[in-house]
Amino acid sequence: SPSILSCPLDVHSGNVARKLGLLIRKQNDAKAVTELDTVLRSFDFKDPVKYDFALFGLGAIDKFI
């Protein structure tokens, strides 16, 4: 079930999440995953991972960050 998953956090998705105000923590660690997970679950508790592609994709665009 997607509801038990957490969004993977890498350098791209972390930077985008910070720029969008979804993540405050500066390190990409387990605490940051929990922080981002809480925000994404507030958008969709049943499938918080569906936002992964958007976060990663925006991070791949050079001019976005």
N, C-alpha and C. Protein backbone atom coordinates (compact mmCIF):
# COMPACT_ATOMS: atom_id res chain seq x y z
N SER A 1 0.84 -1.18 0.00
CA SER A 1 0.00 0.00 0.00
C SER A 1 0.89 1.26 0.00
N PRO A 2 0.62 2.21 -0.87
CA PRO A 2 1.42 3.44 -0.93
C PRO A 2 1.39 4.24 0.37
N SER A 3 0.37 4.05 1.18
CA SER A 3 0.26 4.84 2.41
C SER A 3 1.34 4.52 3.44
N ILE A 4 2.01 3.39 3.30
CA ILE A 4 3.06 3.04 4.26
C ILE A 4 4.45 3.47 3.79
N LEU A 5 4.53 4.01 2.58
CA LEU A 5 5.82 4.42 2.02
C LEU A 5 6.13 5.88 2.36
N SER A 6 7.41 6.20 2.31
CA SER A 6 7.85 7.59 2.46
C SER A 6 8.57 8.00 1.19
N CYS A 7 8.50 9.26 0.87
CA CYS A 7 9.16 9.79 -0.32
C CYS A 7 10.67 9.71 -0.14
N PRO A 8 11.38 9.14 -1.11
CA PRO A 8 12.84 9.11 -1.00
C PRO A 8 13.39 10.54 -1.06
N LEU A 9 14.43 10.76 -0.30
CA LEU A 9 15.00 12.10 -0.22
C LEU A 9 16.43 12.07 -0.73
N ASP A 10 16.66 12.74 -1.84
CA ASP A 10 18.02 12.86 -2.37
C ASP A 10 18.33 14.35 -2.49
N VAL A 11 19.47 14.66 -3.05
CA VAL A 11 19.88 16.06 -3.13
C VAL A 11 18.89 16.89 -3.95
N HIS A 12 18.36 16.33 -5.04
CA HIS A 12 17.43 17.08 -5.90
C HIS A 12 16.10 17.32 -5.20
N SER A 13 15.48 16.25 -4.72
CA SER A 13 14.17 16.41 -4.09
C SER A 13 14.28 17.23 -2.80
N GLY A 14 15.38 17.11 -2.08
CA GLY A 14 15.58 17.91 -0.87
C GLY A 14 15.68 19.39 -1.17
N ASN A 15 16.46 19.74 -2.18
CA ASN A 15 16.60 21.16 -2.55
C ASN A 15 15.29 21.75 -3.03
N VAL A 16 14.55 21.00 -3.82
CA VAL A 16 13.25 21.48 -4.31
C VAL A 16 12.28 21.64 -3.14
N ALA A 17 12.24 20.66 -2.27
CA ALA A 17 11.34 20.73 -1.11
C ALA A 17 11.66 21.96 -0.25
N ARG A 18 12.92 22.25 -0.09
CA ARG A 18 13.30 23.45 0.68
C ARG A 18 12.88 24.73 -0.04
N LYS A 19 13.09 24.77 -1.34
CA LYS A 19 12.73 25.96 -2.11
C LYS A 19 11.22 26.20 -2.07
N LEU A 20 10.45 25.12 -2.04
CA LEU A 20 8.99 25.22 -2.00
C LEU A 20 8.45 25.41 -0.58
N GLY A 21 9.34 25.39 0.41
CA GLY A 21 8.92 25.56 1.79
C GLY A 21 8.33 24.32 2.42
N LEU A 22 8.59 23.16 1.82
CA LEU A 22 8.07 21.90 2.36
C LEU A 22 9.01 21.29 3.38
N LEU A 23 10.26 21.74 3.38
CA LEU A 23 11.29 21.15 4.24
C LEU A 23 12.16 22.27 4.79
N ILE A 24 12.34 22.28 6.10
CA ILE A 24 13.16 23.30 6.74
C ILE A 24 14.55 22.76 7.06
N ARG A 25 14.62 21.51 7.48
CA ARG A 25 15.90 20.91 7.89
C ARG A 25 16.91 20.98 6.75
N LYS A 26 18.15 21.33 7.08
CA LYS A 26 19.17 21.51 6.05
C LYS A 26 19.83 20.21 5.62
N GLN A 27 19.92 19.24 6.52
CA GLN A 27 20.54 17.96 6.18
C GLN A 27 19.53 17.04 5.51
N ASN A 28 20.02 16.21 4.60
CA ASN A 28 19.18 15.16 4.01
C ASN A 28 19.41 13.89 4.81
N ASP A 29 18.65 13.74 5.88
CA ASP A 29 18.80 12.59 6.76
C ASP A 29 17.42 12.05 7.15
N ALA A 30 17.40 11.10 8.07
CA ALA A 30 16.14 10.47 8.47
C ALA A 30 15.16 11.48 9.07
N LYS A 31 15.67 12.46 9.80
CA LYS A 31 14.78 13.49 10.36
C LYS A 31 14.15 14.33 9.25
N ALA A 32 14.90 14.60 8.20
CA ALA A 32 14.37 15.35 7.07
C ALA A 32 13.30 14.54 6.33
N VAL A 33 13.52 13.24 6.20
CA VAL A 33 12.52 12.37 5.57
C VAL A 33 11.22 12.43 6.37
N THR A 34 11.33 12.36 7.69
CA THR A 34 10.15 12.43 8.55
C THR A 34 9.44 13.78 8.41
N GLU A 35 10.21 14.85 8.35
CA GLU A 35 9.63 16.19 8.20
C GLU A 35 8.89 16.32 6.87
N LEU A 36 9.54 15.91 5.79
CA LEU A 36 8.91 15.97 4.47
C LEU A 36 7.71 15.04 4.40
N ASP A 37 7.83 13.86 4.99
CA ASP A 37 6.75 12.89 4.99
C ASP A 37 5.50 13.46 5.66
N THR A 38 5.68 14.16 6.74
CA THR A 38 4.55 14.77 7.45
C THR A 38 3.82 15.77 6.56
N VAL A 39 4.58 16.59 5.85
CA VAL A 39 3.98 17.58 4.95
C VAL A 39 3.26 16.90 3.79
N LEU A 40 3.91 15.93 3.15
CA LEU A 40 3.30 15.26 2.00
C LEU A 40 2.06 14.48 2.41
N ARG A 41 2.06 13.89 3.59
CA ARG A 41 0.87 13.18 4.08
C ARG A 41 -0.28 14.14 4.35
N SER A 42 0.02 15.40 4.66
CA SER A 42 -1.06 16.37 4.85
C SER A 42 -1.75 16.68 3.52
N PHE A 43 -1.05 16.48 2.40
CA PHE A 43 -1.64 16.67 1.08
C PHE A 43 -2.44 15.44 0.66
N ASP A 44 -1.88 14.25 0.90
CA ASP A 44 -2.55 13.00 0.52
C ASP A 44 -2.04 11.88 1.42
N PHE A 45 -2.82 11.54 2.44
CA PHE A 45 -2.40 10.52 3.40
C PHE A 45 -2.32 9.14 2.76
N LYS A 46 -3.16 8.87 1.75
CA LYS A 46 -3.18 7.55 1.13
C LYS A 46 -2.02 7.30 0.19
N ASP A 47 -1.43 8.35 -0.38
CA ASP A 47 -0.32 8.18 -1.33
C ASP A 47 0.63 9.38 -1.29
N PRO A 48 1.39 9.52 -0.22
CA PRO A 48 2.30 10.67 -0.13
C PRO A 48 3.49 10.58 -1.09
N VAL A 49 3.75 9.40 -1.61
CA VAL A 49 4.92 9.20 -2.47
C VAL A 49 4.67 9.69 -3.90
N LYS A 50 3.43 9.97 -4.24
CA LYS A 50 3.14 10.40 -5.61
C LYS A 50 3.81 11.73 -5.95
N TYR A 51 4.27 12.45 -4.95
CA TYR A 51 4.93 13.74 -5.18
C TYR A 51 6.42 13.60 -5.48
N ASP A 52 6.96 12.40 -5.36
CA ASP A 52 8.39 12.16 -5.58
C ASP A 52 8.82 12.58 -6.98
N PHE A 53 8.08 12.18 -7.99
CA PHE A 53 8.47 12.48 -9.37
C PHE A 53 8.52 13.99 -9.61
N ALA A 54 7.56 14.71 -9.07
CA ALA A 54 7.54 16.17 -9.24
C ALA A 54 8.73 16.83 -8.54
N LEU A 55 9.03 16.40 -7.32
CA LEU A 55 10.16 16.98 -6.59
C LEU A 55 11.47 16.68 -7.30
N PHE A 56 11.65 15.44 -7.73
CA PHE A 56 12.88 15.06 -8.42
C PHE A 56 12.98 15.77 -9.77
N GLY A 57 11.86 15.80 -10.51
CA GLY A 57 11.86 16.41 -11.84
C GLY A 57 12.20 17.89 -11.81
N LEU A 58 11.62 18.61 -10.86
CA LEU A 58 11.95 20.03 -10.74
C LEU A 58 13.41 20.23 -10.37
N GLY A 59 13.96 19.31 -9.59
CA GLY A 59 15.37 19.40 -9.21
C GLY A 59 16.31 19.18 -10.37
N ALA A 60 15.84 18.48 -11.39
CA ALA A 60 16.66 18.20 -12.56
C ALA A 60 16.73 19.41 -13.51
N ILE A 61 15.85 20.37 -13.32
CA ILE A 61 15.85 21.58 -14.14
C ILE A 61 16.86 22.56 -13.54
N ASP A 62 17.89 22.87 -14.27
CA ASP A 62 18.98 23.70 -13.75
C ASP A 62 18.51 25.05 -13.21
N LYS A 63 17.61 25.70 -13.89
CA LYS A 63 17.22 27.05 -13.51
C LYS A 63 16.19 27.09 -12.39
N PHE A 64 15.63 25.94 -12.01
CA PHE A 64 14.63 25.94 -10.94
C PHE A 64 15.28 26.24 -9.59
N ILE A 65 16.41 25.62 -9.34
CA ILE A 65 17.10 25.81 -8.07
C ILE A 65 17.96 27.02 -8.21
